[in-house]
Amino acid sequence: MDNASTRAQLKTLLHDLEYQLRQTSLWQAQPLSEEQLTSDQPFAADHLTLPQWLQFVFIPRLRNLLSSNADLPKRCAIAPMAEVYFKHCGVEACDLIKSLLRIDEILNQP
């Protein structure tokens, strides 16, 4: 799963995900405080919205793994959570969810 083609696809998908967050006005210009980024809850749900978590945690961590040629996660299931989140927040996020679904598929390959 960690071949060059997979890593290139993932890099492109992270770029697409950032683009989708920007297009839906969910990309935050101001950085978060250290306190907001410190959490022991899954997805930092006690401090961050899902778009914030994607921007400040998920995307940077995956980009860091890609740039350092480190092992990628073996399992990922962000798209189902995004479907639920965006269903209730009134944001049209179909393309964003498609990007997350594709990221999940790539990271879940054997």
N, C-alpha and C. Protein backbone atom coordinates (compact mmCIF):
# COMPACT_ATOMS: atom_id res chain seq x y z
N MET A 1 0.81 -1.21 0.00
CA MET A 1 0.00 0.00 0.00
C MET A 1 0.85 1.26 0.00
N ASP A 2 2.07 1.21 0.51
CA ASP A 2 2.90 2.40 0.60
C ASP A 2 3.75 2.63 -0.65
N ASN A 3 3.22 2.35 -1.82
CA ASN A 3 4.02 2.58 -3.01
C ASN A 3 3.93 4.03 -3.46
N ALA A 4 4.79 4.41 -4.38
CA ALA A 4 4.88 5.81 -4.83
C ALA A 4 3.57 6.29 -5.45
N SER A 5 2.91 5.44 -6.19
CA SER A 5 1.64 5.81 -6.82
C SER A 5 0.57 6.12 -5.78
N THR A 6 0.51 5.28 -4.76
CA THR A 6 -0.47 5.48 -3.69
C THR A 6 -0.19 6.78 -2.96
N ARG A 7 1.07 7.03 -2.68
CA ARG A 7 1.45 8.27 -1.98
C ARG A 7 1.13 9.49 -2.84
N ALA A 8 1.35 9.40 -4.14
CA ALA A 8 1.04 10.51 -5.04
C ALA A 8 -0.48 10.76 -5.07
N GLN A 9 -1.26 9.68 -5.12
CA GLN A 9 -2.71 9.82 -5.10
C GLN A 9 -3.16 10.49 -3.81
N LEU A 10 -2.60 10.06 -2.70
CA LEU A 10 -2.98 10.60 -1.41
C LEU A 10 -2.61 12.08 -1.31
N LYS A 11 -1.45 12.44 -1.82
CA LYS A 11 -1.04 13.85 -1.82
C LYS A 11 -2.03 14.69 -2.62
N THR A 12 -2.45 14.20 -3.77
CA THR A 12 -3.43 14.91 -4.59
C THR A 12 -4.77 15.03 -3.86
N LEU A 13 -5.18 13.95 -3.22
CA LEU A 13 -6.46 13.97 -2.50
C LEU A 13 -6.43 14.94 -1.32
N LEU A 14 -5.31 15.05 -0.65
CA LEU A 14 -5.20 16.02 0.45
C LEU A 14 -5.30 17.45 -0.10
N HIS A 15 -4.70 17.67 -1.25
CA HIS A 15 -4.84 18.98 -1.91
C HIS A 15 -6.31 19.24 -2.25
N ASP A 16 -6.98 18.23 -2.80
CA ASP A 16 -8.40 18.36 -3.14
C ASP A 16 -9.24 18.63 -1.90
N LEU A 17 -8.93 17.94 -0.81
CA LEU A 17 -9.66 18.14 0.44
C LEU A 17 -9.50 19.57 0.93
N GLU A 18 -8.28 20.09 0.90
CA GLU A 18 -8.06 21.48 1.30
C GLU A 18 -8.86 22.42 0.40
N TYR A 19 -8.82 22.16 -0.90
CA TYR A 19 -9.59 22.98 -1.85
C TYR A 19 -11.08 22.97 -1.51
N GLN A 20 -11.61 21.79 -1.23
CA GLN A 20 -13.04 21.68 -0.90
C GLN A 20 -13.37 22.44 0.39
N LEU A 21 -12.50 22.36 1.38
CA LEU A 21 -12.73 23.11 2.62
C LEU A 21 -12.73 24.61 2.34
N ARG A 22 -11.85 25.04 1.48
CA ARG A 22 -11.81 26.47 1.12
C ARG A 22 -13.05 26.87 0.32
N GLN A 23 -13.46 26.04 -0.62
CA GLN A 23 -14.63 26.33 -1.46
C GLN A 23 -15.92 26.42 -0.66
N THR A 24 -16.01 25.67 0.41
CA THR A 24 -17.22 25.69 1.24
C THR A 24 -17.08 26.68 2.40
N SER A 25 -16.04 27.52 2.35
CA SER A 25 -15.76 28.54 3.38
C SER A 25 -15.56 27.93 4.76
N LEU A 26 -15.03 26.71 4.80
CA LEU A 26 -14.77 26.04 6.08
C LEU A 26 -13.30 26.10 6.48
N TRP A 27 -12.46 26.64 5.59
CA TRP A 27 -11.04 26.77 5.89
C TRP A 27 -10.87 28.00 6.77
N GLN A 28 -10.20 27.83 7.87
CA GLN A 28 -10.06 28.88 8.87
C GLN A 28 -8.73 29.61 8.67
N ALA A 29 -8.78 30.93 8.54
CA ALA A 29 -7.56 31.72 8.30
C ALA A 29 -6.68 31.82 9.55
N GLN A 30 -7.30 31.91 10.70
CA GLN A 30 -6.55 32.07 11.94
C GLN A 30 -6.13 30.71 12.50
N PRO A 31 -4.88 30.60 12.97
CA PRO A 31 -4.46 29.34 13.59
C PRO A 31 -5.19 29.12 14.91
N LEU A 32 -5.21 27.88 15.34
CA LEU A 32 -5.84 27.54 16.62
C LEU A 32 -4.84 27.70 17.75
N SER A 33 -5.37 27.86 18.96
CA SER A 33 -4.50 27.93 20.13
C SER A 33 -3.99 26.53 20.46
N GLU A 34 -2.92 26.48 21.22
CA GLU A 34 -2.37 25.20 21.66
C GLU A 34 -3.41 24.44 22.48
N GLU A 35 -4.19 25.16 23.27
CA GLU A 35 -5.24 24.53 24.09
C GLU A 35 -6.28 23.84 23.22
N GLN A 36 -6.66 24.48 22.13
CA GLN A 36 -7.66 23.88 21.23
C GLN A 36 -7.13 22.61 20.59
N LEU A 37 -5.83 22.57 20.35
CA LEU A 37 -5.25 21.41 19.69
C LEU A 37 -4.89 20.28 20.66
N THR A 38 -5.03 20.53 21.94
CA THR A 38 -4.72 19.53 22.95
C THR A 38 -6.01 18.87 23.40
N SER A 39 -6.13 17.59 23.12
CA SER A 39 -7.35 16.86 23.47
C SER A 39 -7.04 15.38 23.54
N ASP A 40 -7.77 14.68 24.39
CA ASP A 40 -7.64 13.23 24.43
C ASP A 40 -8.89 12.57 23.85
N GLN A 41 -9.78 13.37 23.31
CA GLN A 41 -11.01 12.86 22.70
C GLN A 41 -10.76 12.51 21.23
N PRO A 42 -11.46 11.51 20.72
CA PRO A 42 -11.33 11.22 19.29
C PRO A 42 -11.69 12.45 18.45
N PHE A 43 -10.87 12.74 17.47
CA PHE A 43 -11.06 13.87 16.57
C PHE A 43 -11.08 15.21 17.31
N ALA A 44 -10.57 15.24 18.54
CA ALA A 44 -10.54 16.45 19.37
C ALA A 44 -11.94 17.07 19.44
N ALA A 45 -12.93 16.22 19.50
CA ALA A 45 -14.33 16.66 19.44
C ALA A 45 -14.72 17.60 20.57
N ASP A 46 -13.96 17.59 21.65
CA ASP A 46 -14.27 18.49 22.76
C ASP A 46 -13.80 19.92 22.51
N HIS A 47 -12.94 20.12 21.49
CA HIS A 47 -12.41 21.45 21.21
C HIS A 47 -12.57 21.91 19.76
N LEU A 48 -12.70 20.97 18.84
CA LEU A 48 -12.69 21.32 17.42
C LEU A 48 -13.94 20.85 16.70
N THR A 49 -14.31 21.60 15.68
CA THR A 49 -15.32 21.11 14.74
C THR A 49 -14.63 20.13 13.80
N LEU A 50 -15.39 19.36 13.06
CA LEU A 50 -14.78 18.44 12.10
C LEU A 50 -13.94 19.19 11.07
N PRO A 51 -14.42 20.29 10.48
CA PRO A 51 -13.56 21.00 9.52
C PRO A 51 -12.26 21.50 10.16
N GLN A 52 -12.32 21.97 11.39
CA GLN A 52 -11.09 22.39 12.07
C GLN A 52 -10.15 21.20 12.25
N TRP A 53 -10.68 20.06 12.66
CA TRP A 53 -9.85 18.88 12.85
C TRP A 53 -9.20 18.46 11.54
N LEU A 54 -9.96 18.50 10.45
CA LEU A 54 -9.40 18.16 9.14
C LEU A 54 -8.26 19.11 8.79
N GLN A 55 -8.48 20.41 8.99
CA GLN A 55 -7.50 21.42 8.61
C GLN A 55 -6.25 21.40 9.49
N PHE A 56 -6.44 21.30 10.79
CA PHE A 56 -5.33 21.50 11.71
C PHE A 56 -4.70 20.21 12.24
N VAL A 57 -5.36 19.09 12.03
CA VAL A 57 -4.81 17.82 12.53
C VAL A 57 -4.63 16.81 11.39
N PHE A 58 -5.72 16.43 10.75
CA PHE A 58 -5.70 15.36 9.76
C PHE A 58 -4.80 15.67 8.56
N ILE A 59 -5.03 16.78 7.89
CA ILE A 59 -4.25 17.12 6.70
C ILE A 59 -2.77 17.28 7.04
N PRO A 60 -2.43 18.08 8.08
CA PRO A 60 -1.00 18.21 8.39
C PRO A 60 -0.32 16.89 8.77
N ARG A 61 -1.01 16.04 9.53
CA ARG A 61 -0.39 14.77 9.92
C ARG A 61 -0.13 13.88 8.72
N LEU A 62 -1.11 13.78 7.83
CA LEU A 62 -0.89 12.94 6.64
C LEU A 62 0.19 13.54 5.74
N ARG A 63 0.19 14.85 5.58
CA ARG A 63 1.24 15.48 4.76
C ARG A 63 2.61 15.23 5.38
N ASN A 64 2.70 15.29 6.68
CA ASN A 64 3.96 15.04 7.36
C ASN A 64 4.41 13.59 7.13
N LEU A 65 3.49 12.64 7.24
CA LEU A 65 3.83 11.24 6.98
C LEU A 65 4.31 11.05 5.54
N LEU A 66 3.64 11.71 4.62
CA LEU A 66 4.03 11.59 3.21
C LEU A 66 5.40 12.21 2.96
N SER A 67 5.64 13.39 3.50
CA SER A 67 6.91 14.07 3.23
C SER A 67 8.09 13.37 3.90
N SER A 68 7.85 12.70 5.02
CA SER A 68 8.93 12.00 5.70
C SER A 68 9.03 10.54 5.28
N ASN A 69 8.18 10.15 4.33
CA ASN A 69 8.14 8.78 3.82
C ASN A 69 7.90 7.76 4.94
N ALA A 70 7.15 8.19 5.96
CA ALA A 70 6.80 7.32 7.09
C ALA A 70 5.65 6.40 6.70
N ASP A 71 5.44 5.38 7.52
CA ASP A 71 4.31 4.47 7.30
C ASP A 71 3.00 5.24 7.42
N LEU A 72 2.09 4.92 6.53
CA LEU A 72 0.77 5.54 6.56
C LEU A 72 -0.16 4.72 7.45
N PRO A 73 -1.23 5.35 7.94
CA PRO A 73 -2.19 4.58 8.75
C PRO A 73 -2.72 3.40 7.94
N LYS A 74 -3.02 2.32 8.63
CA LYS A 74 -3.53 1.11 7.97
C LYS A 74 -5.05 1.12 7.84
N ARG A 75 -5.71 1.96 8.64
CA ARG A 75 -7.17 2.03 8.60
C ARG A 75 -7.59 3.48 8.74
N CYS A 76 -8.68 3.82 8.06
CA CYS A 76 -9.21 5.18 8.11
C CYS A 76 -10.70 5.13 7.79
N ALA A 77 -11.48 5.87 8.53
CA ALA A 77 -12.93 5.92 8.30
C ALA A 77 -13.46 7.31 8.65
N ILE A 78 -13.00 8.30 7.92
CA ILE A 78 -13.41 9.68 8.16
C ILE A 78 -14.70 10.01 7.41
N ALA A 79 -14.88 9.46 6.22
CA ALA A 79 -16.04 9.82 5.39
C ALA A 79 -17.39 9.59 6.09
N PRO A 80 -17.60 8.46 6.77
CA PRO A 80 -18.91 8.28 7.43
C PRO A 80 -19.19 9.35 8.48
N MET A 81 -18.16 9.74 9.22
CA MET A 81 -18.36 10.79 10.22
C MET A 81 -18.67 12.11 9.52
N ALA A 82 -17.99 12.39 8.43
CA ALA A 82 -18.25 13.63 7.69
C ALA A 82 -19.67 13.65 7.13
N GLU A 83 -20.14 12.52 6.65
CA GLU A 83 -21.52 12.46 6.14
C GLU A 83 -22.52 12.87 7.21
N VAL A 84 -22.34 12.36 8.40
CA VAL A 84 -23.24 12.70 9.51
C VAL A 84 -23.08 14.17 9.89
N TYR A 85 -21.84 14.62 10.02
CA TYR A 85 -21.58 16.00 10.42
C TYR A 85 -22.21 16.98 9.44
N PHE A 86 -21.93 16.81 8.15
CA PHE A 86 -22.40 17.78 7.17
C PHE A 86 -23.89 17.67 6.88
N LYS A 87 -24.48 16.55 7.15
CA LYS A 87 -25.93 16.39 6.99
C LYS A 87 -26.68 17.34 7.91
N HIS A 88 -26.08 17.62 9.07
CA HIS A 88 -26.77 18.41 10.09
C HIS A 88 -26.27 19.85 10.18
N CYS A 89 -25.32 20.25 9.36
CA CYS A 89 -24.82 21.62 9.51
C CYS A 89 -25.20 22.54 8.36
N GLY A 90 -25.90 22.02 7.37
CA GLY A 90 -26.39 22.87 6.30
C GLY A 90 -25.36 23.31 5.28
N VAL A 91 -24.25 22.60 5.18
CA VAL A 91 -23.22 22.92 4.20
C VAL A 91 -23.25 21.85 3.11
N GLU A 92 -23.23 22.30 1.85
CA GLU A 92 -23.17 21.36 0.74
C GLU A 92 -21.74 20.84 0.64
N ALA A 93 -21.55 19.59 1.02
CA ALA A 93 -20.20 19.05 1.14
C ALA A 93 -20.02 17.75 0.38
N CYS A 94 -20.78 17.56 -0.67
CA CYS A 94 -20.72 16.31 -1.43
C CYS A 94 -19.30 16.03 -1.95
N ASP A 95 -18.67 17.03 -2.56
CA ASP A 95 -17.32 16.83 -3.11
C ASP A 95 -16.30 16.61 -1.99
N LEU A 96 -16.46 17.31 -0.90
CA LEU A 96 -15.58 17.13 0.25
C LEU A 96 -15.68 15.71 0.77
N ILE A 97 -16.88 15.20 0.89
CA ILE A 97 -17.09 13.84 1.37
C ILE A 97 -16.52 12.83 0.38
N LYS A 98 -16.65 13.10 -0.91
CA LYS A 98 -16.07 12.21 -1.91
C LYS A 98 -14.55 12.14 -1.76
N SER A 99 -13.92 13.27 -1.50
CA SER A 99 -12.46 13.28 -1.27
C SER A 99 -12.11 12.44 -0.05
N LEU A 100 -12.87 12.60 1.02
CA LEU A 100 -12.62 11.82 2.24
C LEU A 100 -12.85 10.33 2.01
N LEU A 101 -13.88 10.01 1.25
CA LEU A 101 -14.16 8.60 0.95
C LEU A 101 -13.00 7.98 0.18
N ARG A 102 -12.46 8.71 -0.76
CA ARG A 102 -11.33 8.19 -1.54
C ARG A 102 -10.09 8.03 -0.66
N ILE A 103 -9.86 8.98 0.26
CA ILE A 103 -8.74 8.87 1.20
C ILE A 103 -8.92 7.62 2.05
N ASP A 104 -10.14 7.41 2.55
CA ASP A 104 -10.43 6.20 3.33
C ASP A 104 -10.11 4.94 2.53
N GLU A 105 -10.57 4.92 1.28
CA GLU A 105 -10.34 3.74 0.43
C GLU A 105 -8.84 3.47 0.24
N ILE A 106 -8.08 4.51 -0.02
CA ILE A 106 -6.64 4.33 -0.24
C ILE A 106 -5.96 3.82 1.03
N LEU A 107 -6.29 4.42 2.18
CA LEU A 107 -5.63 4.02 3.42
C LEU A 107 -6.09 2.65 3.93
N ASN A 108 -7.23 2.18 3.47
CA ASN A 108 -7.73 0.88 3.89
C ASN A 108 -7.34 -0.25 2.95
N GLN A 109 -6.55 0.06 1.92
CA GLN A 109 -6.09 -1.00 1.01
C GLN A 109 -5.15 -1.93 1.75
N PRO A 110 -5.26 -3.23 1.47
CA PRO A 110 -4.34 -4.18 2.12
C PRO A 110 -2.90 -3.99 1.66
